[in-house]
Amino acid sequence: MAQFDVHQNRGRNRVAIPYVVVVQTSRLDGLPTRLEIPLMMPSPTYRRDPRLAPALMVEGHEVVLHAWEMQAAPLNSLVPMVASLADDNAATQIIRAIDEVISRALGRSPTP
């Protein structure tokens, strides 16, 4: 299992979230979990910021990365990989979205 591998979602929300992408570095392969981000079906009523929620193609379907919903999931919950988003363009968009979520540059600093 590699960083940016895409897996089908077999959970109860699989209609809205058909896929997840693993974003965890291979340095953590010994852990029993994988850090993943949901790939959601696009919503026509949702105005998305493409830096936070880039549109990506998986198996001919457009899906939207929801980086702010990343979570650790048990390794045994992932079914075999169906695609990879490791190409330079997709990987760059994913990393940029994660950076947008965790960056303090645009957010307010906590008050001491």
PDB file of N, CA and C in Angstrom:
ATOM      1  N   MET A   1       0.856  -1.172   0.000  1.00  0.00           N
ATOM      2  CA  MET A   1       0.000   0.000   0.000  1.00  0.00           C
ATOM      3  C   MET A   1       0.902   1.235   0.000  1.00  0.00           C
ATOM      4  N   ALA A   2       0.661   2.131  -0.949  1.00  0.00           N
ATOM      5  CA  ALA A   2       1.539   3.289  -1.095  1.00  0.00           C
ATOM      6  C   ALA A   2       0.761   4.595  -0.908  1.00  0.00           C
ATOM      7  N   GLN A   3       1.533   5.639  -0.624  1.00  0.00           N
ATOM      8  CA  GLN A   3       0.940   6.968  -0.521  1.00  0.00           C
ATOM      9  C   GLN A   3       0.248   7.294  -1.837  1.00  0.00           C
ATOM     10  N   PHE A   4      -0.940   7.861  -1.749  1.00  0.00           N
ATOM     11  CA  PHE A   4      -1.799   8.279  -2.857  1.00  0.00           C
ATOM     12  C   PHE A   4      -2.513   7.110  -3.550  1.00  0.00           C
ATOM     13  N   ASP A   5      -2.476   5.923  -2.940  1.00  0.00           N
ATOM     14  CA  ASP A   5      -3.311   4.828  -3.443  1.00  0.00           C
ATOM     15  C   ASP A   5      -4.769   5.141  -3.134  1.00  0.00           C
ATOM     16  N   VAL A   6      -5.637   4.819  -4.060  1.00  0.00           N
ATOM     17  CA  VAL A   6      -7.075   5.053  -3.910  1.00  0.00           C
ATOM     18  C   VAL A   6      -7.761   3.701  -3.709  1.00  0.00           C
ATOM     19  N   HIS A   7      -8.671   3.671  -2.732  1.00  0.00           N
ATOM     20  CA  HIS A   7      -9.419   2.455  -2.411  1.00  0.00           C
ATOM     21  C   HIS A   7     -10.910   2.766  -2.445  1.00  0.00           C
ATOM     22  N   GLN A   8     -11.698   1.786  -2.860  1.00  0.00           N
ATOM     23  CA  GLN A   8     -13.150   1.959  -2.779  1.00  0.00           C
ATOM     24  C   GLN A   8     -13.550   2.012  -1.318  1.00  0.00           C
ATOM     25  N   ASN A   9     -14.577   2.795  -1.056  1.00  0.00           N
ATOM     26  CA  ASN A   9     -15.143   2.869   0.283  1.00  0.00           C
ATOM     27  C   ASN A   9     -16.226   1.809   0.385  1.00  0.00           C
ATOM     28  N   ARG A  10     -16.085   0.913   1.305  1.00  0.00           N
ATOM     29  CA  ARG A  10     -17.086  -0.142   1.528  1.00  0.00           C
ATOM     30  C   ARG A  10     -17.997   0.194   2.709  1.00  0.00           C
ATOM     31  N   GLY A  11     -17.848   1.384   3.282  1.00  0.00           N
ATOM     32  CA  GLY A  11     -18.633   1.791   4.445  1.00  0.00           C
ATOM     33  C   GLY A  11     -20.041   2.212   4.083  1.00  0.00           C
ATOM     34  N   ARG A  12     -20.774   2.597   5.094  1.00  0.00           N
ATOM     35  CA  ARG A  12     -22.191   2.944   4.899  1.00  0.00           C
ATOM     36  C   ARG A  12     -22.384   4.223   4.082  1.00  0.00           C
ATOM     37  N   ASN A  13     -21.367   5.064   3.983  1.00  0.00           N
ATOM     38  CA  ASN A  13     -21.472   6.315   3.215  1.00  0.00           C
ATOM     39  C   ASN A  13     -20.881   6.193   1.816  1.00  0.00           C
ATOM     40  N   ARG A  14     -20.813   4.990   1.280  1.00  0.00           N
ATOM     41  CA  ARG A  14     -20.126   4.768   0.008  1.00  0.00           C
ATOM     42  C   ARG A  14     -20.781   5.432  -1.196  1.00  0.00           C
ATOM     43  N   VAL A  15     -22.035   5.810  -1.107  1.00  0.00           N
ATOM     44  CA  VAL A  15     -22.664   6.526  -2.226  1.00  0.00           C
ATOM     45  C   VAL A  15     -22.118   7.946  -2.300  1.00  0.00           C
ATOM     46  N   ALA A  16     -22.048   8.625  -1.177  1.00  0.00           N
ATOM     47  CA  ALA A  16     -21.524   9.996  -1.133  1.00  0.00           C
ATOM     48  C   ALA A  16     -20.001  10.025  -1.162  1.00  0.00           C
ATOM     49  N   ILE A  17     -19.389   8.978  -0.604  1.00  0.00           N
ATOM     50  CA  ILE A  17     -17.928   8.889  -0.526  1.00  0.00           C
ATOM     51  C   ILE A  17     -17.515   7.566  -1.178  1.00  0.00           C
ATOM     52  N   PRO A  18     -17.398   7.555  -2.504  1.00  0.00           N
ATOM     53  CA  PRO A  18     -17.103   6.282  -3.172  1.00  0.00           C
ATOM     54  C   PRO A  18     -15.667   5.797  -2.991  1.00  0.00           C
ATOM     55  N   TYR A  19     -14.747   6.719  -2.656  1.00  0.00           N
ATOM     56  CA  TYR A  19     -13.338   6.354  -2.547  1.00  0.00           C
ATOM     57  C   TYR A  19     -12.687   7.077  -1.379  1.00  0.00           C
ATOM     58  N   VAL A  20     -11.542   6.533  -0.954  1.00  0.00           N
ATOM     59  CA  VAL A  20     -10.642   7.212  -0.030  1.00  0.00           C
ATOM     60  C   VAL A  20      -9.245   7.127  -0.625  1.00  0.00           C
ATOM     61  N   VAL A  21      -8.421   8.125  -0.321  1.00  0.00           N
ATOM     62  CA  VAL A  21      -7.026   8.120  -0.774  1.00  0.00           C
ATOM     63  C   VAL A  21      -6.124   8.099   0.448  1.00  0.00           C
ATOM     64  N   VAL A  22      -5.153   7.211   0.435  1.00  0.00           N
ATOM     65  CA  VAL A  22      -4.178   7.106   1.523  1.00  0.00           C
ATOM     66  C   VAL A  22      -3.138   8.206   1.328  1.00  0.00           C
ATOM     67  N   VAL A  23      -2.894   8.990   2.374  1.00  0.00           N
ATOM     68  CA  VAL A  23      -1.927  10.079   2.279  1.00  0.00           C
ATOM     69  C   VAL A  23      -0.729   9.875   3.210  1.00  0.00           C
ATOM     70  N   GLN A  24      -0.740   8.822   3.955  1.00  0.00           N
ATOM     71  CA  GLN A  24       0.315   8.539   4.918  1.00  0.00           C
ATOM     72  C   GLN A  24       1.615   8.164   4.219  1.00  0.00           C
ATOM     73  N   THR A  25       2.718   8.649   4.720  1.00  0.00           N
ATOM     74  CA  THR A  25       4.027   8.315   4.189  1.00  0.00           C
ATOM     75  C   THR A  25       4.376   6.851   4.484  1.00  0.00           C
ATOM     76  N   SER A  26       5.205   6.270   3.642  1.00  0.00           N
ATOM     77  CA  SER A  26       5.606   4.874   3.831  1.00  0.00           C
ATOM     78  C   SER A  26       6.455   4.685   5.094  1.00  0.00           C
ATOM     79  N   ARG A  27       6.959   5.768   5.653  1.00  0.00           N
ATOM     80  CA  ARG A  27       7.719   5.680   6.912  1.00  0.00           C
ATOM     81  C   ARG A  27       6.864   5.133   8.045  1.00  0.00           C
ATOM     82  N   LEU A  28       5.542   5.212   7.906  1.00  0.00           N
ATOM     83  CA  LEU A  28       4.629   4.754   8.956  1.00  0.00           C
ATOM     84  C   LEU A  28       3.935   3.443   8.600  1.00  0.00           C
ATOM     85  N   ASP A  29       4.481   2.706   7.628  1.00  0.00           N
ATOM     86  CA  ASP A  29       3.848   1.466   7.184  1.00  0.00           C
ATOM     87  C   ASP A  29       3.707   0.422   8.288  1.00  0.00           C
ATOM     88  N   GLY A  30       4.510   0.495   9.337  1.00  0.00           N
ATOM     89  CA  GLY A  30       4.425  -0.469  10.426  1.00  0.00           C
ATOM     90  C   GLY A  30       3.218  -0.282  11.328  1.00  0.00           C
ATOM     91  N   LEU A  31       2.527   0.827  11.193  1.00  0.00           N
ATOM     92  CA  LEU A  31       1.349   1.080  12.035  1.00  0.00           C
ATOM     93  C   LEU A  31       0.144   0.287  11.534  1.00  0.00           C
ATOM     94  N   PRO A  32      -0.793  -0.020  12.426  1.00  0.00           N
ATOM     95  CA  PRO A  32      -1.982  -0.769  12.017  1.00  0.00           C
ATOM     96  C   PRO A  32      -3.072   0.133  11.428  1.00  0.00           C
ATOM     97  N   THR A  33      -2.745   1.391  11.176  1.00  0.00           N
ATOM     98  CA  THR A  33      -3.718   2.339  10.613  1.00  0.00           C
ATOM     99  C   THR A  33      -3.116   3.014   9.381  1.00  0.00           C
ATOM    100  N   ARG A  34      -3.981   3.660   8.606  1.00  0.00           N
ATOM    101  CA  ARG A  34      -3.551   4.471   7.478  1.00  0.00           C
ATOM    102  C   ARG A  34      -4.313   5.792   7.543  1.00  0.00           C
ATOM    103  N   LEU A  35      -3.596   6.885   7.307  1.00  0.00           N
ATOM    104  CA  LEU A  35      -4.226   8.198   7.249  1.00  0.00           C
ATOM    105  C   LEU A  35      -4.835   8.335   5.865  1.00  0.00           C
ATOM    106  N   GLU A  36      -6.138   8.580   5.827  1.00  0.00           N
ATOM    107  CA  GLU A  36      -6.846   8.636   4.555  1.00  0.00           C
ATOM    108  C   GLU A  36      -7.723   9.871   4.492  1.00  0.00           C
ATOM    109  N   ILE A  37      -8.030  10.259   3.253  1.00  0.00           N
ATOM    110  CA  ILE A  37      -8.907  11.409   3.005  1.00  0.00           C
ATOM    111  C   ILE A  37     -10.050  10.935   2.124  1.00  0.00           C
ATOM    112  N   PRO A  38     -11.293  11.313   2.455  1.00  0.00           N
ATOM    113  CA  PRO A  38     -12.416  10.916   1.612  1.00  0.00           C
ATOM    114  C   PRO A  38     -12.409  11.652   0.275  1.00  0.00           C
ATOM    115  N   LEU A  39     -12.811  10.925  -0.753  1.00  0.00           N
ATOM    116  CA  LEU A  39     -13.032  11.481  -2.085  1.00  0.00           C
ATOM    117  C   LEU A  39     -14.531  11.445  -2.327  1.00  0.00           C
ATOM    118  N   MET A  40     -15.150  12.602  -2.283  1.00  0.00           N
ATOM    119  CA  MET A  40     -16.604  12.734  -2.304  1.00  0.00           C
ATOM    120  C   MET A  40     -17.132  12.933  -3.723  1.00  0.00           C
ATOM    121  N   MET A  41     -18.386  12.576  -3.919  1.00  0.00           N
ATOM    122  CA  MET A  41     -19.062  12.916  -5.168  1.00  0.00           C
ATOM    123  C   MET A  41     -19.293  14.434  -5.162  1.00  0.00           C
ATOM    124  N   PRO A  42     -19.110  15.100  -6.305  1.00  0.00           N
ATOM    125  CA  PRO A  42     -19.322  16.555  -6.331  1.00  0.00           C
ATOM    126  C   PRO A  42     -20.787  16.899  -6.095  1.00  0.00           C
ATOM    127  N   SER A  43     -21.001  18.015  -5.438  1.00  0.00           N
ATOM    128  CA  SER A  43     -22.350  18.501  -5.179  1.00  0.00           C
ATOM    129  C   SER A  43     -22.571  19.787  -5.965  1.00  0.00           C
ATOM    130  N   PRO A  44     -23.634  19.854  -6.766  1.00  0.00           N
ATOM    131  CA  PRO A  44     -23.860  21.055  -7.570  1.00  0.00           C
ATOM    132  C   PRO A  44     -24.186  22.292  -6.730  1.00  0.00           C
ATOM    133  N   THR A  45     -24.599  22.094  -5.497  1.00  0.00           N
ATOM    134  CA  THR A  45     -24.975  23.235  -4.655  1.00  0.00           C
ATOM    135  C   THR A  45     -23.841  23.715  -3.768  1.00  0.00           C
ATOM    136  N   TYR A  46     -22.721  23.020  -3.792  1.00  0.00           N
ATOM    137  CA  TYR A  46     -21.601  23.336  -2.910  1.00  0.00           C
ATOM    138  C   TYR A  46     -20.584  24.172  -3.673  1.00  0.00           C
ATOM    139  N   ARG A  47     -20.298  25.375  -3.189  1.00  0.00           N
ATOM    140  CA  ARG A  47     -19.260  26.219  -3.792  1.00  0.00           C
ATOM    141  C   ARG A  47     -17.946  25.858  -3.135  1.00  0.00           C
ATOM    142  N   ARG A  48     -17.114  25.167  -3.864  1.00  0.00           N
ATOM    143  CA  ARG A  48     -15.875  24.685  -3.265  1.00  0.00           C
ATOM    144  C   ARG A  48     -14.698  25.575  -3.608  1.00  0.00           C
ATOM    145  N   ASP A  49     -13.753  25.628  -2.709  1.00  0.00           N
ATOM    146  CA  ASP A  49     -12.485  26.289  -2.933  1.00  0.00           C
ATOM    147  C   ASP A  49     -11.552  25.233  -3.515  1.00  0.00           C
ATOM    148  N   PRO A  50     -11.116  25.356  -4.760  1.00  0.00           N
ATOM    149  CA  PRO A  50     -10.310  24.309  -5.376  1.00  0.00           C
ATOM    150  C   PRO A  50      -8.963  24.073  -4.690  1.00  0.00           C
ATOM    151  N   ARG A  51      -8.494  25.021  -3.892  1.00  0.00           N
ATOM    152  CA  ARG A  51      -7.249  24.792  -3.139  1.00  0.00           C
ATOM    153  C   ARG A  51      -7.501  23.852  -1.969  1.00  0.00           C
ATOM    154  N   LEU A  52      -8.673  23.955  -1.348  1.00  0.00           N
ATOM    155  CA  LEU A  52      -9.025  23.086  -0.222  1.00  0.00           C
ATOM    156  C   LEU A  52      -9.688  21.789  -0.663  1.00  0.00           C
ATOM    157  N   ALA A  53     -10.390  21.838  -1.772  1.00  0.00           N
ATOM    158  CA  ALA A  53     -11.166  20.697  -2.239  1.00  0.00           C
ATOM    159  C   ALA A  53     -10.984  20.518  -3.746  1.00  0.00           C
ATOM    160  N   PRO A  54      -9.793  20.062  -4.157  1.00  0.00           N
ATOM    161  CA  PRO A  54      -9.563  19.886  -5.589  1.00  0.00           C
ATOM    162  C   PRO A  54     -10.386  18.740  -6.168  1.00  0.00           C
ATOM    163  N   ALA A  55     -10.794  18.907  -7.412  1.00  0.00           N
ATOM    164  CA  ALA A  55     -11.477  17.841  -8.141  1.00  0.00           C
ATOM    165  C   ALA A  55     -10.413  16.937  -8.754  1.00  0.00           C
ATOM    166  N   LEU A  56     -10.604  15.637  -8.615  1.00  0.00           N
ATOM    167  CA  LEU A  56      -9.671  14.641  -9.132  1.00  0.00           C
ATOM    168  C   LEU A  56     -10.446  13.579  -9.897  1.00  0.00           C
ATOM    169  N   MET A  57      -9.779  12.871 -10.783  1.00  0.00           N
ATOM    170  CA  MET A  57     -10.418  11.810 -11.556  1.00  0.00           C
ATOM    171  C   MET A  57      -9.979  10.442 -11.040  1.00  0.00           C
ATOM    172  N   VAL A  58     -10.973   9.582 -10.750  1.00  0.00           N
ATOM    173  CA  VAL A  58     -10.718   8.210 -10.313  1.00  0.00           C
ATOM    174  C   VAL A  58     -11.652   7.301 -11.096  1.00  0.00           C
ATOM    175  N   GLU A  59     -11.096   6.358 -11.819  1.00  0.00           N
ATOM    176  CA  GLU A  59     -11.874   5.404 -12.614  1.00  0.00           C
ATOM    177  C   GLU A  59     -12.898   6.105 -13.506  1.00  0.00           C
ATOM    178  N   GLY A  60     -12.516   7.240 -14.088  1.00  0.00           N
ATOM    179  CA  GLY A  60     -13.407   7.971 -14.979  1.00  0.00           C
ATOM    180  C   GLY A  60     -14.464   8.812 -14.293  1.00  0.00           C
ATOM    181  N   HIS A  61     -14.413   8.898 -12.969  1.00  0.00           N
ATOM    182  CA  HIS A  61     -15.384   9.680 -12.197  1.00  0.00           C
ATOM    183  C   HIS A  61     -14.690  10.885 -11.573  1.00  0.00           C
ATOM    184  N   GLU A  62     -15.343  12.035 -11.641  1.00  0.00           N
ATOM    185  CA  GLU A  62     -14.825  13.195 -10.928  1.00  0.00           C
ATOM    186  C   GLU A  62     -15.234  13.086  -9.461  1.00  0.00           C
ATOM    187  N   VAL A  63     -14.249  13.224  -8.584  1.00  0.00           N
ATOM    188  CA  VAL A  63     -14.487  13.220  -7.142  1.00  0.00           C
ATOM    189  C   VAL A  63     -13.777  14.423  -6.549  1.00  0.00           C
ATOM    190  N   VAL A  64     -14.193  14.807  -5.352  1.00  0.00           N
ATOM    191  CA  VAL A  64     -13.645  15.994  -4.697  1.00  0.00           C
ATOM    192  C   VAL A  64     -12.986  15.574  -3.392  1.00  0.00           C
ATOM    193  N   LEU A  65     -11.734  15.970  -3.235  1.00  0.00           N
ATOM    194  CA  LEU A  65     -10.975  15.690  -2.025  1.00  0.00           C
ATOM    195  C   LEU A  65     -11.490  16.577  -0.896  1.00  0.00           C
ATOM    196  N   HIS A  66     -11.768  15.990   0.256  1.00  0.00           N
ATOM    197  CA  HIS A  66     -12.171  16.744   1.450  1.00  0.00           C
ATOM    198  C   HIS A  66     -11.061  16.618   2.483  1.00  0.00           C
ATOM    199  N   ALA A  67      -9.987  17.395   2.286  1.00  0.00           N
ATOM    200  CA  ALA A  67      -8.790  17.270   3.118  1.00  0.00           C
ATOM    201  C   ALA A  67      -9.069  17.510   4.598  1.00  0.00           C
ATOM    202  N   TRP A  68     -10.014  18.352   4.926  1.00  0.00           N
ATOM    203  CA  TRP A  68     -10.313  18.665   6.332  1.00  0.00           C
ATOM    204  C   TRP A  68     -11.004  17.496   7.031  1.00  0.00           C
ATOM    205  N   GLU A  69     -11.356  16.446   6.296  1.00  0.00           N
ATOM    206  CA  GLU A  69     -11.993  15.274   6.886  1.00  0.00           C
ATOM    207  C   GLU A  69     -11.043  14.078   6.952  1.00  0.00           C
ATOM    208  N   MET A  70      -9.731  14.320   6.866  1.00  0.00           N
ATOM    209  CA  MET A  70      -8.794  13.199   6.921  1.00  0.00           C
ATOM    210  C   MET A  70      -8.890  12.526   8.286  1.00  0.00           C
ATOM    211  N   GLN A  71      -8.644  11.229   8.266  1.00  0.00           N
ATOM    212  CA  GLN A  71      -8.758  10.443   9.492  1.00  0.00           C
ATOM    213  C   GLN A  71      -7.875   9.204   9.400  1.00  0.00           C
ATOM    214  N   ALA A  72      -7.558   8.658  10.548  1.00  0.00           N
ATOM    215  CA  ALA A  72      -6.844   7.381  10.592  1.00  0.00           C
ATOM    216  C   ALA A  72      -7.883   6.270  10.572  1.00  0.00           C
ATOM    217  N   ALA A  73      -7.644   5.282   9.724  1.00  0.00           N
ATOM    218  CA  ALA A  73      -8.560   4.147   9.616  1.00  0.00           C
ATOM    219  C   ALA A  73      -7.760   2.858   9.778  1.00  0.00           C
ATOM    220  N   PRO A  74      -8.386   1.821  10.329  1.00  0.00           N
ATOM    221  CA  PRO A  74      -7.678   0.549  10.466  1.00  0.00           C
ATOM    222  C   PRO A  74      -7.221   0.032   9.104  1.00  0.00           C
ATOM    223  N   LEU A  75      -6.012  -0.473   9.068  1.00  0.00           N
ATOM    224  CA  LEU A  75      -5.451  -1.003   7.833  1.00  0.00           C
ATOM    225  C   LEU A  75      -6.344  -2.078   7.223  1.00  0.00           C
ATOM    226  N   ASN A  76      -6.922  -2.922   8.078  1.00  0.00           N
ATOM    227  CA  ASN A  76      -7.744  -4.019   7.561  1.00  0.00           C
ATOM    228  C   ASN A  76      -9.099  -3.549   7.019  1.00  0.00           C
ATOM    229  N   SER A  77      -9.412  -2.249   7.130  1.00  0.00           N
ATOM    230  CA  SER A  77     -10.674  -1.750   6.576  1.00  0.00           C
ATOM    231  C   SER A  77     -10.525  -1.352   5.102  1.00  0.00           C
ATOM    232  N   LEU A  78      -9.294  -1.310   4.607  1.00  0.00           N
ATOM    233  CA  LEU A  78      -9.066  -0.906   3.216  1.00  0.00           C
ATOM    234  C   LEU A  78      -9.129  -2.113   2.298  1.00  0.00           C
ATOM    235  N   VAL A  79      -9.945  -1.996   1.269  1.00  0.00           N
ATOM    236  CA  VAL A  79     -10.040  -3.041   0.249  1.00  0.00           C
ATOM    237  C   VAL A  79      -8.925  -2.807  -0.763  1.00  0.00           C
ATOM    238  N   PRO A  80      -8.679  -3.736  -1.674  1.00  0.00           N
ATOM    239  CA  PRO A  80      -7.588  -3.534  -2.638  1.00  0.00           C
ATOM    240  C   PRO A  80      -7.698  -2.203  -3.390  1.00  0.00           C
ATOM    241  N   MET A  81      -6.536  -1.691  -3.734  1.00  0.00           N
ATOM    242  CA  MET A  81      -6.418  -0.415  -4.438  1.00  0.00           C
ATOM    243  C   MET A  81      -7.086  -0.493  -5.814  1.00  0.00           C
ATOM    244  N   VAL A  82      -7.727   0.622  -6.214  1.00  0.00           N
ATOM    245  CA  VAL A  82      -8.361   0.691  -7.540  1.00  0.00           C
ATOM    246  C   VAL A  82      -7.672   1.696  -8.451  1.00  0.00           C
ATOM    247  N   ALA A  83      -6.876   2.597  -7.880  1.00  0.00           N
ATOM    248  CA  ALA A  83      -6.205   3.621  -8.685  1.00  0.00           C
ATOM    249  C   ALA A  83      -5.085   4.235  -7.848  1.00  0.00           C
ATOM    250  N   SER A  84      -4.291   5.052  -8.505  1.00  0.00           N
ATOM    251  CA  SER A  84      -3.250   5.798  -7.818  1.00  0.00           C
ATOM    252  C   SER A  84      -3.345   7.258  -8.246  1.00  0.00           C
ATOM    253  N   LEU A  85      -3.162   8.149  -7.282  1.00  0.00           N
ATOM    254  CA  LEU A  85      -3.109   9.583  -7.566  1.00  0.00           C
ATOM    255  C   LEU A  85      -1.691  10.100  -7.328  1.00  0.00           C
ATOM    256  N   ALA A  86      -0.707   9.244  -7.556  1.00  0.00           N
ATOM    257  CA  ALA A  86       0.687   9.596  -7.308  1.00  0.00           C
ATOM    258  C   ALA A  86       1.309  10.428  -8.424  1.00  0.00           C
ATOM    259  N   ASP A  87       0.597  10.624  -9.537  1.00  0.00           N
ATOM    260  CA  ASP A  87       1.189  11.460 -10.579  1.00  0.00           C
ATOM    261  C   ASP A  87       1.393  12.864 -10.034  1.00  0.00           C
ATOM    262  N   ASP A  88       2.335  13.573 -10.623  1.00  0.00           N
ATOM    263  CA  ASP A  88       2.753  14.868 -10.075  1.00  0.00           C
ATOM    264  C   ASP A  88       1.606  15.843  -9.861  1.00  0.00           C
ATOM    265  N   ASN A  89       0.694  15.951 -10.815  1.00  0.00           N
ATOM    266  CA  ASN A  89      -0.383  16.930 -10.709  1.00  0.00           C
ATOM    267  C   ASN A  89      -1.338  16.597  -9.566  1.00  0.00           C
ATOM    268  N   ALA A  90      -1.834  15.372  -9.513  1.00  0.00           N
ATOM    269  CA  ALA A  90      -2.778  14.991  -8.456  1.00  0.00           C
ATOM    270  C   ALA A  90      -2.116  15.038  -7.083  1.00  0.00           C
ATOM    271  N   ALA A  91      -0.906  14.504  -6.969  1.00  0.00           N
ATOM    272  CA  ALA A  91      -0.203  14.496  -5.682  1.00  0.00           C
ATOM    273  C   ALA A  91       0.034  15.924  -5.194  1.00  0.00           C
ATOM    274  N   THR A  92       0.399  16.812  -6.101  1.00  0.00           N
ATOM    275  CA  THR A  92       0.619  18.214  -5.730  1.00  0.00           C
ATOM    276  C   THR A  92      -0.663  18.847  -5.220  1.00  0.00           C
ATOM    277  N   GLN A  93      -1.784  18.572  -5.868  1.00  0.00           N
ATOM    278  CA  GLN A  93      -3.068  19.128  -5.419  1.00  0.00           C
ATOM    279  C   GLN A  93      -3.445  18.602  -4.035  1.00  0.00           C
ATOM    280  N   ILE A  94      -3.198  17.325  -3.791  1.00  0.00           N
ATOM    281  CA  ILE A  94      -3.521  16.736  -2.488  1.00  0.00           C
ATOM    282  C   ILE A  94      -2.658  17.354  -1.396  1.00  0.00           C
ATOM    283  N   ILE A  95      -1.368  17.442  -1.636  1.00  0.00           N
ATOM    284  CA  ILE A  95      -0.461  18.026  -0.636  1.00  0.00           C
ATOM    285  C   ILE A  95      -0.806  19.491  -0.389  1.00  0.00           C
ATOM    286  N   ARG A  96      -1.122  20.221  -1.442  1.00  0.00           N
ATOM    287  CA  ARG A  96      -1.503  21.630  -1.293  1.00  0.00           C
ATOM    288  C   ARG A  96      -2.771  21.754  -0.441  1.00  0.00           C
ATOM    289  N   ALA A  97      -3.746  20.881  -0.658  1.00  0.00           N
ATOM    290  CA  ALA A  97      -4.985  20.934   0.126  1.00  0.00           C
ATOM    291  C   ALA A  97      -4.714  20.645   1.600  1.00  0.00           C
ATOM    292  N   ILE A  98      -3.862  19.655   1.882  1.00  0.00           N
ATOM    293  CA  ILE A  98      -3.509  19.361   3.272  1.00  0.00           C
ATOM    294  C   ILE A  98      -2.811  20.569   3.886  1.00  0.00           C
ATOM    295  N   ASP A  99      -1.892  21.182   3.152  1.00  0.00           N
ATOM    296  CA  ASP A  99      -1.200  22.380   3.643  1.00  0.00           C
ATOM    297  C   ASP A  99      -2.187  23.497   3.949  1.00  0.00           C
ATOM    298  N   GLU A 100      -3.197  23.674   3.105  1.00  0.00           N
ATOM    299  CA  GLU A 100      -4.211  24.707   3.338  1.00  0.00           C
ATOM    300  C   GLU A 100      -4.968  24.444   4.637  1.00  0.00           C
ATOM    301  N   VAL A 101      -5.245  23.181   4.915  1.00  0.00           N
ATOM    302  CA  VAL A 101      -5.986  22.821   6.129  1.00  0.00           C
ATOM    303  C   VAL A 101      -5.170  23.094   7.385  1.00  0.00           C
ATOM    304  N   ILE A 102      -3.890  22.803   7.351  1.00  0.00           N
ATOM    305  CA  ILE A 102      -3.086  22.902   8.577  1.00  0.00           C
ATOM    306  C   ILE A 102      -2.278  24.189   8.688  1.00  0.00           C
ATOM    307  N   SER A 103      -2.262  25.013   7.661  1.00  0.00           N
ATOM    308  CA  SER A 103      -1.465  26.233   7.676  1.00  0.00           C
ATOM    309  C   SER A 103      -2.062  27.284   8.599  1.00  0.00           C
ATOM    310  N   ARG A 104      -1.196  27.996   9.312  1.00  0.00           N
ATOM    311  CA  ARG A 104      -1.646  29.102  10.152  1.00  0.00           C
ATOM    312  C   ARG A 104      -1.572  30.413   9.403  1.00  0.00           C
ATOM    313  N   ALA A 105      -1.058  30.391   8.184  1.00  0.00           N
ATOM    314  CA  ALA A 105      -0.842  31.623   7.425  1.00  0.00           C
ATOM    315  C   ALA A 105      -2.151  32.376   7.174  1.00  0.00           C
ATOM    316  N   LEU A 106      -3.224  31.661   6.945  1.00  0.00           N
ATOM    317  CA  LEU A 106      -4.497  32.315   6.616  1.00  0.00           C
ATOM    318  C   LEU A 106      -5.479  32.314   7.768  1.00  0.00           C
ATOM    319  N   GLY A 107      -5.218  31.499   8.775  1.00  0.00           N
ATOM    320  CA  GLY A 107      -6.134  31.419   9.899  1.00  0.00           C
ATOM    321  C   GLY A 107      -5.734  32.360  11.021  1.00  0.00           C
ATOM    322  N   ARG A 108      -6.552  32.413  12.030  1.00  0.00           N
ATOM    323  CA  ARG A 108      -6.248  33.258  13.195  1.00  0.00           C
ATOM    324  C   ARG A 108      -5.447  32.465  14.191  1.00  0.00           C
ATOM    325  N   SER A 109      -4.459  33.076  14.759  1.00  0.00           N
ATOM    326  CA  SER A 109      -3.658  32.431  15.794  1.00  0.00           C
ATOM    327  C   SER A 109      -4.451  32.388  17.089  1.00  0.00           C
ATOM    328  N   PRO A 110      -4.255  31.328  17.877  1.00  0.00           N
ATOM    329  CA  PRO A 110      -4.945  31.268  19.158  1.00  0.00           C
ATOM    330  C   PRO A 110      -4.490  32.411  20.081  1.00  0.00           C
ATOM    331  N   THR A 111      -5.400  32.903  20.866  1.00  0.00           N
ATOM    332  CA  THR A 111      -5.090  33.958  21.821  1.00  0.00           C
ATOM    333  C   THR A 111      -4.500  33.331  23.071  1.00  0.00           C
ATOM    334  N   PRO A 112      -3.333  33.845  23.526  1.00  0.00           N
ATOM    335  CA  PRO A 112      -2.706  33.247  24.729  1.00  0.00           C
ATOM    336  C   PRO A 112      -3.503  33.523  25.985  1.00  0.00           C
TER     337      PRO A 112
END
